Amino acid sequence: MACYSFLFPHSIGAPDLKYRDHDRRPEGDRAAPMVDFSDDWSKTIIQRAEAQFRRDLTLPFSLWNLVFRTVVNIGSNLYAISQVATKEGDNAEQKIDASVFRDAAITVLQALGDRYTWAGTSLAVDGDLQKTKHTAAVKSNPVAQRMVNSMQATFRKIEGTQEIRSLMRHDVTGYCVMMGMPIMVTFAPNEKNSTLMIRLSRTRRSDPMSKHDHHNISKWGGLYAPDLVEHPMYPEGCTVGEEVEVPMQDLLDILPTSDARRKIVARDPLACVYGFNMLCKVALSALFGVRVCPNCPDCNMSQTGGCVDEFGSVALSEGKCEGWGDVW
């Protein structure tokens, strides 16, 4: 809170960090519910309507850094590492010196620039933590080897890590055995020219950030702006495939200018994330027949049923691509 005094001027609304008591939280029946930092608070604060949280240049990166360190520190398996250190030291008194962990950590750090042998070929580790366990230095140090395994087990719970990518590759390999070889599809949306990103941007019109807004960006931060439904340029009763004459001037009147669009996506990166997520769902449904809703996979736990069929698949049995233009 002290680092972002302008975002939190009253120093309230702080999350509950692991193993730390909240100094403002009363005891007894008046105790407020616990708000976990890594799972709840860090994700919710960026989605608030106040523009200062999403437009801050360092807050999102600082939150992700603290989330990463919190998950790593909490998930460390120090007990398993200490058991290995005790067995290796042959210490009958079950005492471990701190130098054992220090030397193991230094060994892992030096292994990041070392080389390893794979299938008779010498390869460089090149900073990849997954490859350090194949080096001779880590293999000869059981404590360092256990430390690397513990870190990899922890990183499997953090989004965006190399371990998550490895799990994805394992899943894809398993699908290849049953479904056949997949195809590669790349999505490259143009954020600054996409009206979807602008539609998903949210800013309060009374927000102080909009006080000196020369492009009137707050006008496009509402729930129904730009107006895409029941607009005069769309005749009532228009069906799919019917040609409608759209005057360019009417189209320009309901869309922000190019400079305004660039500022909107630059000041609201969360709108770009939501827009890209929606584009992927629409494209997967239209091109490949993959049907998912915003609540997947939790929707399958409801009484009315979810998106999966009796076989646990969310794909249409006949696939898609042929005649997919009707979906758009």
Protein backbone atom coordinates (compact mmCIF):
# COMPACT_ATOMS: atom_id res chain seq x y z
CA MET A 1 0.00 0.00 0.00
CA ALA A 2 2.85 2.38 0.78
CA CYS A 3 4.27 1.90 -2.73
CA TYR A 4 0.94 2.91 -4.35
CA SER A 5 -0.32 5.66 -2.07
CA PHE A 6 -2.18 7.38 -4.92
CA LEU A 7 -4.06 4.19 -5.82
CA PHE A 8 -4.88 3.38 -2.18
CA PRO A 9 -4.99 6.81 -0.49
CA HIS A 10 -6.68 5.50 2.67
CA SER A 11 -4.50 2.38 3.01
CA ILE A 12 -7.53 0.10 3.26
CA GLY A 13 -8.75 -2.84 1.23
CA ALA A 14 -5.51 -4.78 1.56
CA PRO A 15 -5.51 -8.55 0.97
CA ASP A 16 -4.64 -11.29 3.42
CA LEU A 17 -1.13 -12.55 2.81
CA LYS A 18 -0.13 -16.04 3.85
CA TYR A 19 1.02 -16.45 7.46
CA ARG A 20 0.43 -12.76 8.24
CA ASP A 21 -2.26 -11.37 10.52
CA HIS A 22 -4.32 -8.41 9.36
CA ASP A 23 -3.84 -5.55 11.82
CA ARG A 24 -7.23 -4.00 11.00
CA ARG A 25 -9.25 -7.21 11.20
CA PRO A 26 -11.34 -7.48 14.40
CA GLU A 27 -11.72 -10.73 16.24
CA GLY A 28 -14.86 -12.68 17.04
CA ASP A 29 -18.17 -12.45 15.21
CA ARG A 30 -17.23 -9.15 13.54
CA ALA A 31 -14.32 -10.70 11.70
CA ALA A 32 -14.44 -9.98 7.98
CA PRO A 33 -14.02 -12.84 5.49
CA MET A 34 -10.51 -13.74 4.44
CA VAL A 35 -9.43 -12.44 1.02
CA ASP A 36 -6.65 -14.54 -0.47
CA PHE A 37 -4.07 -12.49 -2.33
CA SER A 38 -2.90 -14.78 -5.12
CA ASP A 39 -6.28 -16.33 -6.04
CA ASP A 40 -8.80 -13.55 -5.38
CA TRP A 41 -7.51 -10.08 -4.58
CA SER A 42 -4.84 -9.79 -7.29
CA LYS A 43 -7.35 -10.77 -10.01
CA THR A 44 -10.21 -8.66 -8.70
CA ILE A 45 -8.34 -5.38 -8.17
CA ILE A 46 -7.32 -5.17 -11.85
CA GLN A 47 -10.95 -5.66 -12.92
CA ARG A 48 -12.34 -2.80 -10.86
CA ALA A 49 -14.12 0.05 -12.60
CA GLU A 50 -11.68 2.68 -11.33
CA ALA A 51 -9.37 3.49 -14.20
CA GLN A 52 -6.28 4.14 -12.08
CA PHE A 53 -5.73 0.44 -11.39
CA ARG A 54 -5.66 -0.73 -15.02
CA ARG A 55 -3.90 2.37 -16.35
CA ASP A 56 -1.05 2.28 -13.84
CA LEU A 57 2.21 1.43 -15.60
CA THR A 58 3.67 -0.77 -12.85
CA LEU A 59 0.80 -2.15 -10.72
CA PRO A 60 -0.13 -5.15 -12.95
CA PHE A 61 3.51 -6.22 -13.25
CA SER A 62 4.14 -5.76 -9.52
CA LEU A 63 1.08 -7.82 -8.65
CA TRP A 64 2.13 -10.65 -10.95
CA ASN A 65 5.65 -10.60 -9.51
CA LEU A 66 4.31 -10.81 -5.95
CA VAL A 67 1.82 -13.55 -6.92
CA PHE A 68 4.62 -15.58 -8.48
CA ARG A 69 6.87 -15.22 -5.44
CA THR A 70 4.00 -15.99 -3.05
CA VAL A 71 3.11 -19.24 -4.82
CA VAL A 72 6.77 -20.27 -5.02
CA ASN A 73 7.48 -19.55 -1.35
CA ILE A 74 4.35 -21.27 -0.09
CA GLY A 75 4.74 -24.28 -2.37
CA SER A 76 8.36 -25.00 -1.47
CA ASN A 77 8.81 -28.51 -0.12
CA LEU A 78 11.49 -27.79 2.44
CA TYR A 79 10.66 -30.91 4.47
CA ALA A 80 11.43 -33.27 1.60
CA ILE A 81 14.66 -31.39 0.83
CA SER A 82 15.73 -31.53 4.50
CA GLN A 83 15.08 -35.28 4.62
CA VAL A 84 17.43 -35.81 1.71
CA ALA A 85 20.03 -33.55 3.31
CA THR A 86 19.80 -35.52 6.56
CA LYS A 87 20.31 -38.87 4.83
CA GLU A 88 23.21 -37.62 2.77
CA GLY A 89 24.97 -36.12 5.77
CA ASP A 90 24.54 -39.34 7.79
CA ASN A 91 23.70 -37.18 10.76
CA ALA A 92 22.34 -39.22 13.66
CA GLU A 93 21.21 -36.09 15.54
CA GLN A 94 18.97 -35.01 12.64
CA LYS A 95 20.67 -31.60 12.46
CA ILE A 96 21.28 -29.81 9.19
CA ASP A 97 23.63 -26.93 8.62
CA ALA A 98 22.39 -24.03 6.46
CA SER A 99 25.46 -24.41 4.25
CA VAL A 100 23.93 -27.60 2.78
CA PHE A 101 21.03 -25.64 1.26
CA ARG A 102 23.33 -22.80 0.25
CA ASP A 103 25.68 -25.11 -1.62
CA ALA A 104 22.75 -26.86 -3.30
CA ALA A 105 21.28 -23.54 -4.43
CA ILE A 106 24.65 -22.43 -5.80
CA THR A 107 24.97 -25.73 -7.65
CA VAL A 108 21.58 -25.23 -9.33
CA LEU A 109 22.43 -21.63 -10.19
CA GLN A 110 25.75 -22.61 -11.78
CA ALA A 111 24.05 -25.46 -13.66
CA LEU A 112 21.95 -22.93 -15.58
CA GLY A 113 25.06 -22.10 -17.60
CA ASP A 114 26.41 -25.66 -17.74
CA ARG A 115 26.03 -28.41 -20.35
CA TYR A 116 24.39 -31.83 -20.22
CA THR A 117 24.45 -34.98 -22.31
CA TRP A 118 21.31 -36.22 -24.04
CA ALA A 119 21.31 -39.20 -26.43
CA GLY A 120 25.10 -38.99 -26.70
CA THR A 121 25.03 -35.28 -27.64
CA SER A 122 26.35 -32.47 -25.48
CA LEU A 123 23.77 -29.67 -25.22
CA ALA A 124 23.71 -26.33 -23.40
CA VAL A 125 21.30 -25.77 -20.53
CA ASP A 126 20.96 -22.15 -21.62
CA GLY A 127 19.11 -21.01 -18.50
CA ASP A 128 16.40 -23.69 -18.68
CA LEU A 129 15.63 -24.89 -15.15
CA GLN A 130 14.13 -28.14 -16.44
CA LYS A 131 17.44 -29.18 -17.97
CA THR A 132 19.58 -28.54 -14.89
CA LYS A 133 18.65 -31.93 -13.39
CA HIS A 134 20.45 -33.62 -16.31
CA THR A 135 23.79 -31.92 -15.58
CA ALA A 136 26.57 -33.80 -13.84
CA ALA A 137 26.79 -31.27 -10.99
CA VAL A 138 23.13 -31.60 -10.00
CA LYS A 139 23.16 -35.39 -10.41
CA SER A 140 26.05 -35.62 -7.98
CA ASN A 141 24.22 -33.45 -5.41
CA PRO A 142 21.00 -35.15 -4.19
CA VAL A 143 19.94 -32.05 -2.25
CA ALA A 144 20.18 -29.90 -5.39
CA GLN A 145 18.34 -32.55 -7.38
CA ARG A 146 15.50 -32.64 -4.84
CA MET A 147 15.44 -28.84 -4.83
CA VAL A 148 14.98 -28.73 -8.61
CA ASN A 149 12.20 -31.34 -8.47
CA SER A 150 10.44 -29.37 -5.74
CA MET A 151 10.60 -26.15 -7.75
CA GLN A 152 9.26 -27.87 -10.84
CA ALA A 153 6.35 -29.33 -8.87
CA THR A 154 5.54 -25.84 -7.58
CA PHE A 155 5.82 -24.18 -11.00
CA ARG A 156 3.19 -26.58 -12.38
CA LYS A 157 0.64 -24.53 -10.44
CA ILE A 158 1.68 -21.14 -11.88
CA GLU A 159 0.33 -19.88 -15.19
CA GLY A 160 2.81 -19.15 -17.95
CA THR A 161 5.73 -21.21 -16.66
CA GLN A 162 7.71 -23.74 -18.66
CA GLU A 163 6.31 -26.55 -16.55
CA ILE A 164 2.76 -25.61 -17.60
CA ARG A 165 3.86 -25.78 -21.23
CA SER A 166 5.32 -29.21 -20.61
CA LEU A 167 2.01 -30.42 -19.20
CA MET A 168 0.25 -29.02 -22.27
CA ARG A 169 2.66 -30.88 -24.56
CA HIS A 170 1.99 -34.11 -22.67
CA ASP A 171 -1.77 -33.62 -23.10
CA VAL A 172 -1.37 -32.88 -26.81
CA THR A 173 0.80 -35.98 -27.24
CA GLY A 174 -1.87 -38.10 -25.55
CA TYR A 175 -4.56 -36.63 -27.83
CA CYS A 176 -2.40 -37.40 -30.87
CA VAL A 177 -2.44 -41.09 -30.01
CA MET A 178 -6.24 -41.16 -29.94
CA MET A 179 -7.29 -38.35 -32.29
CA GLY A 180 -4.40 -38.11 -34.74
CA MET A 181 -2.01 -35.29 -35.51
CA PRO A 182 -3.37 -31.77 -34.81
CA ILE A 183 -3.05 -28.62 -36.89
CA MET A 184 -1.46 -25.36 -35.82
CA VAL A 185 -3.71 -22.31 -35.64
CA THR A 186 -2.39 -18.82 -34.82
CA PHE A 187 -4.59 -15.91 -33.77
CA ALA A 188 -3.17 -12.44 -34.41
CA PRO A 189 -5.86 -9.84 -33.62
CA ASN A 190 -5.41 -6.17 -34.42
CA GLU A 191 -6.29 -4.53 -31.11
CA LYS A 192 -6.20 -0.89 -32.19
CA ASN A 193 -8.66 -1.44 -35.06
CA SER A 194 -10.95 -3.94 -33.33
CA THR A 195 -14.26 -2.56 -32.09
CA LEU A 196 -14.59 -5.63 -29.87
CA MET A 197 -11.72 -4.43 -27.65
CA ILE A 198 -13.38 -1.03 -27.42
CA ARG A 199 -16.74 -2.55 -26.54
CA LEU A 200 -15.17 -4.53 -23.67
CA SER A 201 -13.41 -1.48 -22.24
CA ARG A 202 -14.99 -0.11 -19.07
CA THR A 203 -14.52 3.38 -17.63
CA ARG A 204 -16.83 5.38 -15.38
CA ARG A 205 -17.92 8.68 -16.91
CA SER A 206 -17.39 10.37 -13.54
CA ASP A 207 -13.89 8.94 -13.20
CA PRO A 208 -11.24 11.62 -12.46
CA MET A 209 -9.16 10.09 -15.25
CA SER A 210 -11.73 11.38 -17.73
CA LYS A 211 -11.68 14.97 -16.50
CA HIS A 212 -9.04 16.12 -18.98
CA ASP A 213 -9.89 13.68 -21.74
CA HIS A 214 -9.60 15.51 -25.07
CA HIS A 215 -10.77 12.50 -27.10
CA ASN A 216 -13.84 11.86 -24.90
CA ILE A 217 -12.70 8.29 -24.31
CA SER A 218 -15.02 7.87 -21.33
CA LYS A 219 -17.92 7.98 -23.81
CA TRP A 220 -16.82 4.57 -25.12
CA GLY A 221 -16.33 2.99 -21.68
CA GLY A 222 -19.97 2.17 -21.04
CA LEU A 223 -21.76 -1.14 -21.28
CA TYR A 224 -23.55 -0.24 -24.52
CA ALA A 225 -20.92 1.79 -26.37
CA PRO A 226 -20.25 1.51 -29.24
CA ASP A 227 -23.89 0.70 -29.91
CA LEU A 228 -24.04 -2.57 -31.82
CA VAL A 229 -27.70 -3.52 -31.36
CA GLU A 230 -30.92 -1.78 -32.45
CA HIS A 231 -29.08 0.97 -34.26
CA PRO A 232 -30.82 2.91 -37.06
CA MET A 233 -28.26 1.71 -39.56
CA TYR A 234 -29.43 -1.88 -39.01
CA PRO A 235 -32.96 -2.32 -40.45
CA GLU A 236 -35.40 -4.27 -38.32
CA GLY A 237 -35.99 -7.84 -39.48
CA CYS A 238 -32.65 -8.15 -41.29
CA THR A 239 -31.69 -11.80 -41.81
CA VAL A 240 -28.35 -13.51 -42.33
CA GLY A 241 -27.04 -13.13 -45.85
CA GLU A 242 -29.23 -10.13 -46.70
CA GLU A 243 -27.40 -7.16 -48.16
CA VAL A 244 -27.76 -3.90 -46.24
CA GLU A 245 -26.47 -0.58 -47.43
CA VAL A 246 -24.37 1.00 -44.67
CA PRO A 247 -23.51 4.69 -45.18
CA MET A 248 -19.89 5.27 -44.22
CA GLN A 249 -20.74 8.50 -42.43
CA ASP A 250 -23.15 6.67 -40.10
CA LEU A 251 -20.44 4.12 -39.39
CA LEU A 252 -17.93 6.86 -38.56
CA ASP A 253 -20.40 8.54 -36.22
CA ILE A 254 -20.76 5.50 -33.98
CA LEU A 255 -17.02 4.65 -33.82
CA PRO A 256 -14.19 6.54 -32.12
CA THR A 257 -11.35 7.99 -34.14
CA SER A 258 -8.09 6.16 -34.77
CA ASP A 259 -6.24 8.13 -32.09
CA ALA A 260 -9.02 7.45 -29.60
CA ARG A 261 -8.99 3.73 -30.37
CA ARG A 262 -5.24 3.54 -29.76
CA LYS A 263 -5.60 5.33 -26.46
CA ILE A 264 -8.45 3.09 -25.34
CA VAL A 265 -6.54 -0.15 -25.88
CA ALA A 266 -3.34 1.36 -24.43
CA ARG A 267 -5.10 2.50 -21.25
CA ASP A 268 -7.23 -0.61 -20.81
CA PRO A 269 -5.10 -3.71 -21.48
CA LEU A 270 -7.68 -5.88 -19.71
CA ALA A 271 -10.14 -5.14 -22.54
CA CYS A 272 -7.61 -6.60 -25.00
CA VAL A 273 -7.35 -9.76 -22.90
CA TYR A 274 -11.14 -10.16 -22.79
CA GLY A 275 -11.41 -9.40 -26.50
CA PHE A 276 -8.79 -11.96 -27.45
CA ASN A 277 -10.49 -14.57 -25.26
CA MET A 278 -13.83 -13.93 -26.95
CA LEU A 279 -12.28 -14.00 -30.43
CA CYS A 280 -10.75 -17.41 -29.69
CA LYS A 281 -14.09 -18.82 -28.51
CA VAL A 282 -15.96 -17.48 -31.53
CA ALA A 283 -13.32 -18.73 -33.97
CA LEU A 284 -13.13 -22.18 -32.37
CA SER A 285 -16.91 -22.48 -32.49
CA ALA A 286 -17.25 -21.25 -36.07
CA LEU A 287 -14.26 -23.05 -37.58
CA PHE A 288 -13.97 -26.26 -35.57
CA GLY A 289 -17.31 -26.66 -33.81
CA VAL A 290 -15.85 -26.35 -30.30
CA ARG A 291 -18.65 -25.09 -28.04
CA VAL A 292 -17.67 -23.52 -24.73
CA CYS A 293 -19.38 -20.95 -22.54
CA PRO A 294 -17.81 -18.37 -20.19
CA ASN A 295 -18.47 -20.67 -17.21
CA CYS A 296 -16.71 -23.76 -18.59
CA PRO A 297 -15.89 -26.20 -17.09
CA ASP A 298 -17.88 -25.29 -13.96
CA CYS A 299 -21.10 -25.20 -16.00
CA ASN A 300 -21.02 -29.00 -16.17
CA MET A 301 -21.65 -29.19 -12.42
CA SER A 302 -25.06 -27.49 -12.69
CA GLN A 303 -28.33 -29.43 -12.58
CA THR A 304 -29.32 -28.32 -16.08
CA GLY A 305 -26.09 -29.64 -17.56
CA GLY A 306 -23.19 -27.91 -19.25
CA CYS A 307 -21.45 -27.77 -22.59
CA VAL A 308 -20.15 -31.34 -22.67
CA ASP A 309 -22.05 -34.21 -24.22
CA GLU A 310 -22.46 -37.75 -22.88
CA PHE A 311 -18.94 -38.58 -24.02
CA GLY A 312 -17.38 -35.59 -22.24
CA SER A 313 -16.69 -33.67 -25.47
CA VAL A 314 -17.53 -30.03 -26.26
CA ALA A 315 -17.10 -30.47 -30.04
CA LEU A 316 -19.88 -30.97 -32.56
CA SER A 317 -20.03 -34.51 -33.87
CA GLU A 318 -20.00 -33.37 -37.51
CA GLY A 319 -17.22 -30.83 -37.00
CA LYS A 320 -17.34 -27.48 -38.75
CA CYS A 321 -15.57 -25.41 -41.44
CA GLU A 322 -18.08 -26.34 -44.18
CA GLY A 323 -20.76 -23.68 -44.07
CA TRP A 324 -19.09 -21.93 -41.15
CA GLY A 325 -19.84 -18.52 -42.64
CA ASP A 326 -23.46 -18.77 -41.44
CA VAL A 327 -22.24 -18.58 -37.86
CA TRP A 328 -20.69 -15.19 -38.37
